[in-house]
Amino acid sequence: MTGVETVVITTTERDATVISLHGEIDEDHAPTLAGALARAVSGGLPRTVVDLSGTGFVDSSVLHALLDAQRAHTAAGVALVLAGPLHTAVRRLFEVTGASTVFRTADSLAAAVTC
């Protein structure tokens, strides 16, 4: 994604922590994402939404961070929802690895914060 700054932004919307990803998120950015996810699960809100609509690429380190977060969220009784729409490369990573069946997903951020 040439010209797009890589960013992990955390906000709150309704009763959800929203973590928005922008740019190409890879192993250099996975620790930032993992930290945001860890803070979200302990933040006291009943839902964490990871908005993937702003990224056209994530690698396996991001998938690993999301899988770890899914386990932590489940243990804490906090819902973790991935919001799209997903770009082709991101969707393909989830499909090829079988991870698409592990996560609750929504077609948009608006749908994710209410599901």
PDB file of N, CA and C in Angstrom:
ATOM      1  N   MET A   1       0.849  -1.173   0.000  1.00  0.00           N
ATOM      2  CA  MET A   1       0.000   0.000   0.000  1.00  0.00           C
ATOM      3  C   MET A   1       0.894   1.235   0.000  1.00  0.00           C
ATOM      4  N   THR A   2       1.392   1.585  -1.072  1.00  0.00           N
ATOM      5  CA  THR A   2       2.283   2.712  -1.197  1.00  0.00           C
ATOM      6  C   THR A   2       1.598   4.001  -0.775  1.00  0.00           C
ATOM      7  N   GLY A   3       2.298   4.791   0.045  1.00  0.00           N
ATOM      8  CA  GLY A   3       1.761   6.075   0.458  1.00  0.00           C
ATOM      9  C   GLY A   3       0.813   6.021   1.637  1.00  0.00           C
ATOM     10  N   VAL A   4       0.523   4.831   2.162  1.00  0.00           N
ATOM     11  CA  VAL A   4      -0.382   4.706   3.292  1.00  0.00           C
ATOM     12  C   VAL A   4       0.445   4.406   4.533  1.00  0.00           C
ATOM     13  N   GLU A   5       0.330   5.269   5.532  1.00  0.00           N
ATOM     14  CA  GLU A   5       1.051   5.078   6.772  1.00  0.00           C
ATOM     15  C   GLU A   5       0.462   3.896   7.535  1.00  0.00           C
ATOM     16  N   THR A   6       1.327   3.072   8.094  1.00  0.00           N
ATOM     17  CA  THR A   6       0.873   1.951   8.902  1.00  0.00           C
ATOM     18  C   THR A   6       0.538   2.446  10.288  1.00  0.00           C
ATOM     19  N   VAL A   7      -0.687   2.141  10.715  1.00  0.00           N
ATOM     20  CA  VAL A   7      -1.169   2.659  11.989  1.00  0.00           C
ATOM     21  C   VAL A   7      -2.069   1.627  12.657  1.00  0.00           C
ATOM     22  N   VAL A   8      -1.948   1.548  13.968  1.00  0.00           N
ATOM     23  CA  VAL A   8      -2.874   0.782  14.799  1.00  0.00           C
ATOM     24  C   VAL A   8      -3.486   1.796  15.750  1.00  0.00           C
ATOM     25  N   ILE A   9      -4.790   2.039  15.620  1.00  0.00           N
ATOM     26  CA  ILE A   9      -5.483   3.061  16.409  1.00  0.00           C
ATOM     27  C   ILE A   9      -6.538   2.386  17.286  1.00  0.00           C
ATOM     28  N   THR A  10      -6.569   2.746  18.555  1.00  0.00           N
ATOM     29  CA  THR A  10      -7.571   2.212  19.472  1.00  0.00           C
ATOM     30  C   THR A  10      -8.519   3.328  19.889  1.00  0.00           C
ATOM     31  N   THR A  11      -9.822   3.061  19.747  1.00  0.00           N
ATOM     32  CA  THR A  11     -10.863   3.995  20.159  1.00  0.00           C
ATOM     33  C   THR A  11     -11.961   3.212  20.881  1.00  0.00           C
ATOM     34  N   THR A  12     -12.969   3.917  21.341  1.00  0.00           N
ATOM     35  CA  THR A  12     -14.122   3.274  21.958  1.00  0.00           C
ATOM     36  C   THR A  12     -15.364   3.709  21.195  1.00  0.00           C
ATOM     37  N   GLU A  13     -16.209   2.747  20.882  1.00  0.00           N
ATOM     38  CA  GLU A  13     -17.481   3.038  20.221  1.00  0.00           C
ATOM     39  C   GLU A  13     -18.557   2.178  20.863  1.00  0.00           C
ATOM     40  N   ARG A  14     -19.579   2.837  21.357  1.00  0.00           N
ATOM     41  CA  ARG A  14     -20.638   2.167  22.119  1.00  0.00           C
ATOM     42  C   ARG A  14     -20.005   1.417  23.277  1.00  0.00           C
ATOM     43  N   ASP A  15     -20.224   0.102  23.357  1.00  0.00           N
ATOM     44  CA  ASP A  15     -19.642  -0.694  24.450  1.00  0.00           C
ATOM     45  C   ASP A  15     -18.503  -1.570  23.941  1.00  0.00           C
ATOM     46  N   ALA A  16     -17.742  -1.064  22.964  1.00  0.00           N
ATOM     47  CA  ALA A  16     -16.666  -1.845  22.366  1.00  0.00           C
ATOM     48  C   ALA A  16     -15.367  -1.053  22.272  1.00  0.00           C
ATOM     49  N   THR A  17     -14.269  -1.750  22.498  1.00  0.00           N
ATOM     50  CA  THR A  17     -12.961  -1.217  22.161  1.00  0.00           C
ATOM     51  C   THR A  17     -12.754  -1.524  20.684  1.00  0.00           C
ATOM     52  N   VAL A  18     -12.430  -0.512  19.901  1.00  0.00           N
ATOM     53  CA  VAL A  18     -12.228  -0.692  18.462  1.00  0.00           C
ATOM     54  C   VAL A  18     -10.750  -0.474  18.152  1.00  0.00           C
ATOM     55  N   ILE A  19     -10.143  -1.485  17.548  1.00  0.00           N
ATOM     56  CA  ILE A  19      -8.751  -1.407  17.119  1.00  0.00           C
ATOM     57  C   ILE A  19      -8.758  -1.399  15.600  1.00  0.00           C
ATOM     58  N   SER A  20      -8.396  -0.268  15.027  1.00  0.00           N
ATOM     59  CA  SER A  20      -8.418  -0.097  13.572  1.00  0.00           C
ATOM     60  C   SER A  20      -7.005  -0.222  13.017  1.00  0.00           C
ATOM     61  N   LEU A  21      -6.873  -1.016  11.969  1.00  0.00           N
ATOM     62  CA  LEU A  21      -5.584  -1.220  11.316  1.00  0.00           C
ATOM     63  C   LEU A  21      -5.591  -0.514   9.970  1.00  0.00           C
ATOM     64  N   HIS A  22      -4.517   0.221   9.689  1.00  0.00           N
ATOM     65  CA  HIS A  22      -4.384   0.933   8.418  1.00  0.00           C
ATOM     66  C   HIS A  22      -3.001   0.670   7.857  1.00  0.00           C
ATOM     67  N   GLY A  23      -2.914   0.440   6.569  1.00  0.00           N
ATOM     68  CA  GLY A  23      -1.634   0.170   5.929  1.00  0.00           C
ATOM     69  C   GLY A  23      -1.336  -1.312   5.920  1.00  0.00           C
ATOM     70  N   GLU A  24      -0.093  -1.648   5.645  1.00  0.00           N
ATOM     71  CA  GLU A  24       0.341  -3.040   5.625  1.00  0.00           C
ATOM     72  C   GLU A  24       0.855  -3.410   7.006  1.00  0.00           C
ATOM     73  N   ILE A  25       0.194  -4.365   7.624  1.00  0.00           N
ATOM     74  CA  ILE A  25       0.519  -4.746   8.993  1.00  0.00           C
ATOM     75  C   ILE A  25       1.283  -6.070   8.944  1.00  0.00           C
ATOM     76  N   ASP A  26       2.525  -6.034   9.435  1.00  0.00           N
ATOM     77  CA  ASP A  26       3.372  -7.223   9.377  1.00  0.00           C
ATOM     78  C   ASP A  26       4.067  -7.433  10.717  1.00  0.00           C
ATOM     79  N   GLU A  27       5.126  -8.246  10.715  1.00  0.00           N
ATOM     80  CA  GLU A  27       5.802  -8.593  11.961  1.00  0.00           C
ATOM     81  C   GLU A  27       6.367  -7.387  12.714  1.00  0.00           C
ATOM     82  N   ASP A  28       6.641  -6.304  12.002  1.00  0.00           N
ATOM     83  CA  ASP A  28       7.121  -5.099  12.667  1.00  0.00           C
ATOM     84  C   ASP A  28       6.021  -4.421  13.489  1.00  0.00           C
ATOM     85  N   HIS A  29       4.783  -4.626  13.100  1.00  0.00           N
ATOM     86  CA  HIS A  29       3.650  -3.963  13.751  1.00  0.00           C
ATOM     87  C   HIS A  29       2.837  -4.902  14.640  1.00  0.00           C
ATOM     88  N   ALA A  30       3.086  -6.206  14.530  1.00  0.00           N
ATOM     89  CA  ALA A  30       2.328  -7.179  15.315  1.00  0.00           C
ATOM     90  C   ALA A  30       2.445  -6.947  16.824  1.00  0.00           C
ATOM     91  N   PRO A  31       3.615  -6.569  17.362  1.00  0.00           N
ATOM     92  CA  PRO A  31       3.665  -6.305  18.805  1.00  0.00           C
ATOM     93  C   PRO A  31       2.763  -5.140  19.233  1.00  0.00           C
ATOM     94  N   THR A  32       2.651  -4.123  18.402  1.00  0.00           N
ATOM     95  CA  THR A  32       1.756  -3.004  18.709  1.00  0.00           C
ATOM     96  C   THR A  32       0.311  -3.486  18.748  1.00  0.00           C
ATOM     97  N   LEU A  33      -0.057  -4.312  17.762  1.00  0.00           N
ATOM     98  CA  LEU A  33      -1.403  -4.887  17.733  1.00  0.00           C
ATOM     99  C   LEU A  33      -1.631  -5.773  18.948  1.00  0.00           C
ATOM    100  N   ALA A  34      -0.669  -6.638  19.266  1.00  0.00           N
ATOM    101  CA  ALA A  34      -0.810  -7.535  20.421  1.00  0.00           C
ATOM    102  C   ALA A  34      -0.994  -6.744  21.709  1.00  0.00           C
ATOM    103  N   GLY A  35      -0.256  -5.651  21.860  1.00  0.00           N
ATOM    104  CA  GLY A  35      -0.400  -4.812  23.044  1.00  0.00           C
ATOM    105  C   GLY A  35      -1.781  -4.180  23.130  1.00  0.00           C
ATOM    106  N   ALA A  36      -2.275  -3.686  21.995  1.00  0.00           N
ATOM    107  CA  ALA A  36      -3.615  -3.086  21.954  1.00  0.00           C
ATOM    108  C   ALA A  36      -4.675  -4.120  22.303  1.00  0.00           C
ATOM    109  N   LEU A  37      -4.521  -5.336  21.799  1.00  0.00           N
ATOM    110  CA  LEU A  37      -5.477  -6.411  22.084  1.00  0.00           C
ATOM    111  C   LEU A  37      -5.436  -6.806  23.562  1.00  0.00           C
ATOM    112  N   ALA A  38      -4.243  -6.849  24.147  1.00  0.00           N
ATOM    113  CA  ALA A  38      -4.116  -7.184  25.568  1.00  0.00           C
ATOM    114  C   ALA A  38      -4.763  -6.113  26.442  1.00  0.00           C
ATOM    115  N   ARG A  39      -4.557  -4.848  26.085  1.00  0.00           N
ATOM    116  CA  ARG A  39      -5.201  -3.768  26.854  1.00  0.00           C
ATOM    117  C   ARG A  39      -6.724  -3.832  26.699  1.00  0.00           C
ATOM    118  N   ALA A  40      -7.186  -4.188  25.512  1.00  0.00           N
ATOM    119  CA  ALA A  40      -8.630  -4.250  25.272  1.00  0.00           C
ATOM    120  C   ALA A  40      -9.293  -5.333  26.115  1.00  0.00           C
ATOM    121  N   VAL A  41      -8.686  -6.506  26.183  1.00  0.00           N
ATOM    122  CA  VAL A  41      -9.303  -7.609  26.921  1.00  0.00           C
ATOM    123  C   VAL A  41      -9.381  -7.297  28.413  1.00  0.00           C
ATOM    124  N   SER A  42      -8.471  -6.482  28.913  1.00  0.00           N
ATOM    125  CA  SER A  42      -8.494  -6.142  30.340  1.00  0.00           C
ATOM    126  C   SER A  42      -9.150  -4.787  30.605  1.00  0.00           C
ATOM    127  N   GLY A  43      -9.692  -4.167  29.564  1.00  0.00           N
ATOM    128  CA  GLY A  43     -10.245  -2.823  29.694  1.00  0.00           C
ATOM    129  C   GLY A  43     -11.634  -2.714  30.266  1.00  0.00           C
ATOM    130  N   GLY A  44     -12.320  -3.841  30.440  1.00  0.00           N
ATOM    131  CA  GLY A  44     -13.624  -3.811  31.074  1.00  0.00           C
ATOM    132  C   GLY A  44     -14.827  -3.716  30.152  1.00  0.00           C
ATOM    133  N   LEU A  45     -14.596  -3.533  28.852  1.00  0.00           N
ATOM    134  CA  LEU A  45     -15.731  -3.497  27.927  1.00  0.00           C
ATOM    135  C   LEU A  45     -16.050  -4.918  27.451  1.00  0.00           C
ATOM    136  N   PRO A  46     -17.303  -5.200  27.110  1.00  0.00           N
ATOM    137  CA  PRO A  46     -17.689  -6.564  26.764  1.00  0.00           C
ATOM    138  C   PRO A  46     -17.305  -7.012  25.348  1.00  0.00           C
ATOM    139  N   ARG A  47     -16.780  -6.100  24.526  1.00  0.00           N
ATOM    140  CA  ARG A  47     -16.503  -6.463  23.138  1.00  0.00           C
ATOM    141  C   ARG A  47     -15.267  -5.720  22.640  1.00  0.00           C
ATOM    142  N   THR A  48     -14.442  -6.432  21.863  1.00  0.00           N
ATOM    143  CA  THR A  48     -13.331  -5.828  21.142  1.00  0.00           C
ATOM    144  C   THR A  48     -13.568  -6.066  19.671  1.00  0.00           C
ATOM    145  N   VAL A  49     -13.461  -5.008  18.888  1.00  0.00           N
ATOM    146  CA  VAL A  49     -13.618  -5.104  17.437  1.00  0.00           C
ATOM    147  C   VAL A  49     -12.285  -4.746  16.796  1.00  0.00           C
ATOM    148  N   VAL A  50     -11.803  -5.603  15.910  1.00  0.00           N
ATOM    149  CA  VAL A  50     -10.608  -5.303  15.132  1.00  0.00           C
ATOM    150  C   VAL A  50     -11.085  -4.974  13.727  1.00  0.00           C
ATOM    151  N   ASP A  51     -10.940  -3.716  13.359  1.00  0.00           N
ATOM    152  CA  ASP A  51     -11.381  -3.231  12.050  1.00  0.00           C
ATOM    153  C   ASP A  51     -10.250  -3.449  11.045  1.00  0.00           C
ATOM    154  N   LEU A  52     -10.435  -4.425  10.178  1.00  0.00           N
ATOM    155  CA  LEU A  52      -9.435  -4.790   9.172  1.00  0.00           C
ATOM    156  C   LEU A  52      -9.715  -4.161   7.814  1.00  0.00           C
ATOM    157  N   SER A  53     -10.733  -3.325   7.721  1.00  0.00           N
ATOM    158  CA  SER A  53     -11.119  -2.777   6.418  1.00  0.00           C
ATOM    159  C   SER A  53     -10.085  -1.823   5.837  1.00  0.00           C
ATOM    160  N   GLY A  54      -9.197  -1.281   6.673  1.00  0.00           N
ATOM    161  CA  GLY A  54      -8.218  -0.312   6.205  1.00  0.00           C
ATOM    162  C   GLY A  54      -6.872  -0.895   5.844  1.00  0.00           C
ATOM    163  N   THR A  55      -6.755  -2.219   5.873  1.00  0.00           N
ATOM    164  CA  THR A  55      -5.488  -2.846   5.542  1.00  0.00           C
ATOM    165  C   THR A  55      -5.651  -3.833   4.390  1.00  0.00           C
ATOM    166  N   GLY A  56      -4.735  -3.758   3.454  1.00  0.00           N
ATOM    167  CA  GLY A  56      -4.756  -4.680   2.317  1.00  0.00           C
ATOM    168  C   GLY A  56      -3.830  -5.851   2.500  1.00  0.00           C
ATOM    169  N   PHE A  57      -3.051  -5.847   3.613  1.00  0.00           N
ATOM    170  CA  PHE A  57      -2.096  -6.927   3.841  1.00  0.00           C
ATOM    171  C   PHE A  57      -1.861  -7.113   5.327  1.00  0.00           C
ATOM    172  N   VAL A  58      -1.949  -8.342   5.770  1.00  0.00           N
ATOM    173  CA  VAL A  58      -1.494  -8.751   7.090  1.00  0.00           C
ATOM    174  C   VAL A  58      -0.726 -10.050   6.902  1.00  0.00           C
ATOM    175  N   ASP A  59       0.279 -10.273   7.742  1.00  0.00           N
ATOM    176  CA  ASP A  59       1.039 -11.510   7.601  1.00  0.00           C
ATOM    177  C   ASP A  59       0.717 -12.465   8.747  1.00  0.00           C
ATOM    178  N   SER A  60       1.436 -13.577   8.787  1.00  0.00           N
ATOM    179  CA  SER A  60       1.144 -14.607   9.777  1.00  0.00           C
ATOM    180  C   SER A  60       1.389 -14.143  11.207  1.00  0.00           C
ATOM    181  N   SER A  61       2.262 -13.168  11.413  1.00  0.00           N
ATOM    182  CA  SER A  61       2.483 -12.661  12.770  1.00  0.00           C
ATOM    183  C   SER A  61       1.234 -11.943  13.292  1.00  0.00           C
ATOM    184  N   VAL A  62       0.526 -11.289  12.416  1.00  0.00           N
ATOM    185  CA  VAL A  62      -0.735 -10.639  12.781  1.00  0.00           C
ATOM    186  C   VAL A  62      -1.789 -11.698  13.091  1.00  0.00           C
ATOM    187  N   LEU A  63      -1.841 -12.724  12.261  1.00  0.00           N
ATOM    188  CA  LEU A  63      -2.776 -13.824  12.504  1.00  0.00           C
ATOM    189  C   LEU A  63      -2.476 -14.464  13.856  1.00  0.00           C
ATOM    190  N   HIS A  64      -1.210 -14.663  14.171  1.00  0.00           N
ATOM    191  CA  HIS A  64      -0.815 -15.236  15.457  1.00  0.00           C
ATOM    192  C   HIS A  64      -1.288 -14.339  16.608  1.00  0.00           C
ATOM    193  N   ALA A  65      -1.102 -13.028  16.482  1.00  0.00           N
ATOM    194  CA  ALA A  65      -1.552 -12.092  17.520  1.00  0.00           C
ATOM    195  C   ALA A  65      -3.068 -12.162  17.698  1.00  0.00           C
ATOM    196  N   LEU A  66      -3.790 -12.275  16.587  1.00  0.00           N
ATOM    197  CA  LEU A  66      -5.252 -12.366  16.661  1.00  0.00           C
ATOM    198  C   LEU A  66      -5.700 -13.684  17.302  1.00  0.00           C
ATOM    199  N   LEU A  67      -5.021 -14.774  16.972  1.00  0.00           N
ATOM    200  CA  LEU A  67      -5.373 -16.072  17.567  1.00  0.00           C
ATOM    201  C   LEU A  67      -5.098 -16.071  19.072  1.00  0.00           C
ATOM    202  N   ASP A  68      -3.954 -15.503  19.481  1.00  0.00           N
ATOM    203  CA  ASP A  68      -3.669 -15.377  20.915  1.00  0.00           C
ATOM    204  C   ASP A  68      -4.729 -14.531  21.600  1.00  0.00           C
ATOM    205  N   ALA A  69      -5.117 -13.444  20.948  1.00  0.00           N
ATOM    206  CA  ALA A  69      -6.142 -12.560  21.510  1.00  0.00           C
ATOM    207  C   ALA A  69      -7.485 -13.263  21.603  1.00  0.00           C
ATOM    208  N   GLN A  70      -7.801 -14.089  20.625  1.00  0.00           N
ATOM    209  CA  GLN A  70      -9.070 -14.827  20.661  1.00  0.00           C
ATOM    210  C   GLN A  70      -9.112 -15.714  21.905  1.00  0.00           C
ATOM    211  N   ARG A  71      -8.023 -16.409  22.184  1.00  0.00           N
ATOM    212  CA  ARG A  71      -7.963 -17.268  23.375  1.00  0.00           C
ATOM    213  C   ARG A  71      -8.109 -16.433  24.652  1.00  0.00           C
ATOM    214  N   ALA A  72      -7.400 -15.324  24.719  1.00  0.00           N
ATOM    215  CA  ALA A  72      -7.472 -14.467  25.913  1.00  0.00           C
ATOM    216  C   ALA A  72      -8.860 -13.868  26.088  1.00  0.00           C
ATOM    217  N   HIS A  73      -9.460 -13.431  24.999  1.00  0.00           N
ATOM    218  CA  HIS A  73     -10.803 -12.854  25.068  1.00  0.00           C
ATOM    219  C   HIS A  73     -11.821 -13.909  25.512  1.00  0.00           C
ATOM    220  N   THR A  74     -11.718 -15.109  24.955  1.00  0.00           N
ATOM    221  CA  THR A  74     -12.630 -16.186  25.341  1.00  0.00           C
ATOM    222  C   THR A  74     -12.500 -16.480  26.835  1.00  0.00           C
ATOM    223  N   ALA A  75     -11.264 -16.581  27.324  1.00  0.00           N
ATOM    224  CA  ALA A  75     -11.028 -16.864  28.742  1.00  0.00           C
ATOM    225  C   ALA A  75     -11.587 -15.765  29.636  1.00  0.00           C
ATOM    226  N   ALA A  76     -11.563 -14.529  29.156  1.00  0.00           N
ATOM    227  CA  ALA A  76     -12.049 -13.391  29.951  1.00  0.00           C
ATOM    228  C   ALA A  76     -13.542 -13.118  29.755  1.00  0.00           C
ATOM    229  N   GLY A  77     -14.188 -13.852  28.852  1.00  0.00           N
ATOM    230  CA  GLY A  77     -15.603 -13.618  28.592  1.00  0.00           C
ATOM    231  C   GLY A  77     -15.869 -12.356  27.798  1.00  0.00           C
ATOM    232  N   VAL A  78     -14.894 -11.937  27.007  1.00  0.00           N
ATOM    233  CA  VAL A  78     -15.016 -10.739  26.175  1.00  0.00           C
ATOM    234  C   VAL A  78     -15.101 -11.182  24.717  1.00  0.00           C
ATOM    235  N   ALA A  79     -16.074 -10.663  23.987  1.00  0.00           N
ATOM    236  CA  ALA A  79     -16.223 -11.014  22.575  1.00  0.00           C
ATOM    237  C   ALA A  79     -15.142 -10.326  21.755  1.00  0.00           C
ATOM    238  N   LEU A  80     -14.605 -11.049  20.771  1.00  0.00           N
ATOM    239  CA  LEU A  80     -13.661 -10.491  19.805  1.00  0.00           C
ATOM    240  C   LEU A  80     -14.285 -10.638  18.432  1.00  0.00           C
ATOM    241  N   VAL A  81     -14.448  -9.524  17.732  1.00  0.00           N
ATOM    242  CA  VAL A  81     -15.097  -9.519  16.420  1.00  0.00           C
ATOM    243  C   VAL A  81     -14.166  -8.857  15.422  1.00  0.00           C
ATOM    244  N   LEU A  82     -14.006  -9.484  14.262  1.00  0.00           N
ATOM    245  CA  LEU A  82     -13.228  -8.899  13.181  1.00  0.00           C
ATOM    246  C   LEU A  82     -14.186  -8.235  12.207  1.00  0.00           C
ATOM    247  N   ALA A  83     -13.910  -6.979  11.867  1.00  0.00           N
ATOM    248  CA  ALA A  83     -14.783  -6.216  10.977  1.00  0.00           C
ATOM    249  C   ALA A  83     -14.118  -6.028   9.629  1.00  0.00           C
ATOM    250  N   GLY A  84     -14.916  -6.123   8.586  1.00  0.00           N
ATOM    251  CA  GLY A  84     -14.461  -5.896   7.219  1.00  0.00           C
ATOM    252  C   GLY A  84     -15.151  -4.687   6.652  1.00  0.00           C
ATOM    253  N   PRO A  85     -15.223  -4.605   5.355  1.00  0.00           N
ATOM    254  CA  PRO A  85     -14.939  -5.690   4.420  1.00  0.00           C
ATOM    255  C   PRO A  85     -13.438  -5.960   4.334  1.00  0.00           C
ATOM    256  N   LEU A  86     -13.116  -7.242   4.150  1.00  0.00           N
ATOM    257  CA  LEU A  86     -11.725  -7.652   4.064  1.00  0.00           C
ATOM    258  C   LEU A  86     -11.229  -7.553   2.632  1.00  0.00           C
ATOM    259  N   HIS A  87     -10.023  -7.003   2.488  1.00  0.00           N
ATOM    260  CA  HIS A  87      -9.393  -6.990   1.173  1.00  0.00           C
ATOM    261  C   HIS A  87      -9.034  -8.424   0.802  1.00  0.00           C
ATOM    262  N   THR A  88      -8.876  -8.694  -0.464  1.00  0.00           N
ATOM    263  CA  THR A  88      -8.665 -10.046  -0.971  1.00  0.00           C
ATOM    264  C   THR A  88      -7.509 -10.759  -0.282  1.00  0.00           C
ATOM    265  N   ALA A  89      -6.364 -10.113  -0.144  1.00  0.00           N
ATOM    266  CA  ALA A  89      -5.193 -10.765   0.463  1.00  0.00           C
ATOM    267  C   ALA A  89      -5.440 -11.120   1.920  1.00  0.00           C
ATOM    268  N   VAL A  90      -6.145 -10.272   2.635  1.00  0.00           N
ATOM    269  CA  VAL A  90      -6.440 -10.528   4.048  1.00  0.00           C
ATOM    270  C   VAL A  90      -7.431 -11.684   4.156  1.00  0.00           C
ATOM    271  N   ARG A  91      -8.477 -11.637   3.381  1.00  0.00           N
ATOM    272  CA  ARG A  91      -9.468 -12.714   3.388  1.00  0.00           C
ATOM    273  C   ARG A  91      -8.819 -14.048   3.031  1.00  0.00           C
ATOM    274  N   ARG A  92      -7.925 -14.018   2.063  1.00  0.00           N
ATOM    275  CA  ARG A  92      -7.265 -15.253   1.613  1.00  0.00           C
ATOM    276  C   ARG A  92      -6.410 -15.861   2.722  1.00  0.00           C
ATOM    277  N   LEU A  93      -5.683 -15.029   3.488  1.00  0.00           N
ATOM    278  CA  LEU A  93      -4.887 -15.541   4.601  1.00  0.00           C
ATOM    279  C   LEU A  93      -5.775 -16.295   5.587  1.00  0.00           C
ATOM    280  N   PHE A  94      -6.917 -15.731   5.923  1.00  0.00           N
ATOM    281  CA  PHE A  94      -7.826 -16.383   6.857  1.00  0.00           C
ATOM    282  C   PHE A  94      -8.405 -17.676   6.283  1.00  0.00           C
ATOM    283  N   GLU A  95      -8.725 -17.672   5.002  1.00  0.00           N
ATOM    284  CA  GLU A  95      -9.291 -18.863   4.363  1.00  0.00           C
ATOM    285  C   GLU A  95      -8.266 -19.980   4.232  1.00  0.00           C
ATOM    286  N   VAL A  96      -7.069 -19.656   3.755  1.00  0.00           N
ATOM    287  CA  VAL A  96      -6.031 -20.664   3.514  1.00  0.00           C
ATOM    288  C   VAL A  96      -5.593 -21.332   4.815  1.00  0.00           C
ATOM    289  N   THR A  97      -5.518 -20.566   5.887  1.00  0.00           N
ATOM    290  CA  THR A  97      -5.070 -21.105   7.169  1.00  0.00           C
ATOM    291  C   THR A  97      -6.198 -21.775   7.959  1.00  0.00           C
ATOM    292  N   GLY A  98      -7.426 -21.606   7.517  1.00  0.00           N
ATOM    293  CA  GLY A  98      -8.562 -22.148   8.247  1.00  0.00           C
ATOM    294  C   GLY A  98      -8.992 -21.276   9.416  1.00  0.00           C
ATOM    295  N   ALA A  99      -8.340 -20.133   9.586  1.00  0.00           N
ATOM    296  CA  ALA A  99      -8.642 -19.256  10.708  1.00  0.00           C
ATOM    297  C   ALA A  99      -9.988 -18.546  10.569  1.00  0.00           C
ATOM    298  N   SER A 100     -10.540 -18.536   9.380  1.00  0.00           N
ATOM    299  CA  SER A 100     -11.819 -17.842   9.190  1.00  0.00           C
ATOM    300  C   SER A 100     -12.930 -18.458  10.034  1.00  0.00           C
ATOM    301  N   THR A 101     -12.784 -19.731  10.399  1.00  0.00           N
ATOM    302  CA  THR A 101     -13.813 -20.385  11.216  1.00  0.00           C
ATOM    303  C   THR A 101     -13.624 -20.114  12.711  1.00  0.00           C
ATOM    304  N   VAL A 102     -12.493 -19.558  13.094  1.00  0.00           N
ATOM    305  CA  VAL A 102     -12.179 -19.333  14.500  1.00  0.00           C
ATOM    306  C   VAL A 102     -12.778 -18.030  15.019  1.00  0.00           C
ATOM    307  N   PHE A 103     -12.940 -17.065  14.132  1.00  0.00           N
ATOM    308  CA  PHE A 103     -13.322 -15.722  14.539  1.00  0.00           C
ATOM    309  C   PHE A 103     -14.765 -15.396  14.203  1.00  0.00           C
ATOM    310  N   ARG A 104     -15.367 -14.585  15.057  1.00  0.00           N
ATOM    311  CA  ARG A 104     -16.650 -13.971  14.727  1.00  0.00           C
ATOM    312  C   ARG A 104     -16.317 -12.804  13.810  1.00  0.00           C
ATOM    313  N   THR A 105     -17.043 -12.679  12.709  1.00  0.00           N
ATOM    314  CA  THR A 105     -16.773 -11.612  11.751  1.00  0.00           C
ATOM    315  C   THR A 105     -18.035 -10.831  11.445  1.00  0.00           C
ATOM    316  N   ALA A 106     -17.834  -9.617  10.963  1.00  0.00           N
ATOM    317  CA  ALA A 106     -18.940  -8.766  10.532  1.00  0.00           C
ATOM    318  C   ALA A 106     -18.496  -8.049   9.265  1.00  0.00           C
ATOM    319  N   ASP A 107     -19.455  -7.704   8.423  1.00  0.00           N
ATOM    320  CA  ASP A 107     -19.157  -7.071   7.142  1.00  0.00           C
ATOM    321  C   ASP A 107     -18.759  -5.606   7.262  1.00  0.00           C
ATOM    322  N   SER A 108     -19.012  -5.015   8.417  1.00  0.00           N
ATOM    323  CA  SER A 108     -18.688  -3.583   8.587  1.00  0.00           C
ATOM    324  C   SER A 108     -18.423  -3.302  10.059  1.00  0.00           C
ATOM    325  N   LEU A 109     -17.812  -2.172  10.314  1.00  0.00           N
ATOM    326  CA  LEU A 109     -17.573  -1.754  11.689  1.00  0.00           C
ATOM    327  C   LEU A 109     -18.885  -1.533  12.421  1.00  0.00           C
ATOM    328  N   ALA A 110     -19.843  -0.913  11.746  1.00  0.00           N
ATOM    329  CA  ALA A 110     -21.146  -0.655  12.370  1.00  0.00           C
ATOM    330  C   ALA A 110     -21.815  -1.954  12.808  1.00  0.00           C
ATOM    331  N   ALA A 111     -21.740  -2.977  11.973  1.00  0.00           N
ATOM    332  CA  ALA A 111     -22.326  -4.269  12.327  1.00  0.00           C
ATOM    333  C   ALA A 111     -21.547  -4.942  13.441  1.00  0.00           C
ATOM    334  N   ALA A 112     -20.232  -4.792  13.453  1.00  0.00           N
ATOM    335  CA  ALA A 112     -19.383  -5.458  14.436  1.00  0.00           C
ATOM    336  C   ALA A 112     -19.612  -4.927  15.840  1.00  0.00           C
ATOM    337  N   VAL A 113     -19.844  -3.647  15.989  1.00  0.00           N
ATOM    338  CA  VAL A 113     -20.021  -3.097  17.339  1.00  0.00           C
ATOM    339  C   VAL A 113     -21.385  -3.424  17.944  1.00  0.00           C
ATOM    340  N   THR A 114     -22.265  -3.987  17.127  1.00  0.00           N
ATOM    341  CA  THR A 114     -23.595  -4.328  17.638  1.00  0.00           C
ATOM    342  C   THR A 114     -23.889  -5.820  17.619  1.00  0.00           C
ATOM    343  N   CYS A 115     -22.988  -6.631  17.078  1.00  0.00           N
ATOM    344  CA  CYS A 115     -23.303  -8.073  17.002  1.00  0.00           C
ATOM    345  C   CYS A 115     -22.919  -8.827  18.257  1.00  0.00           C
TER     346      CYS A 115
END
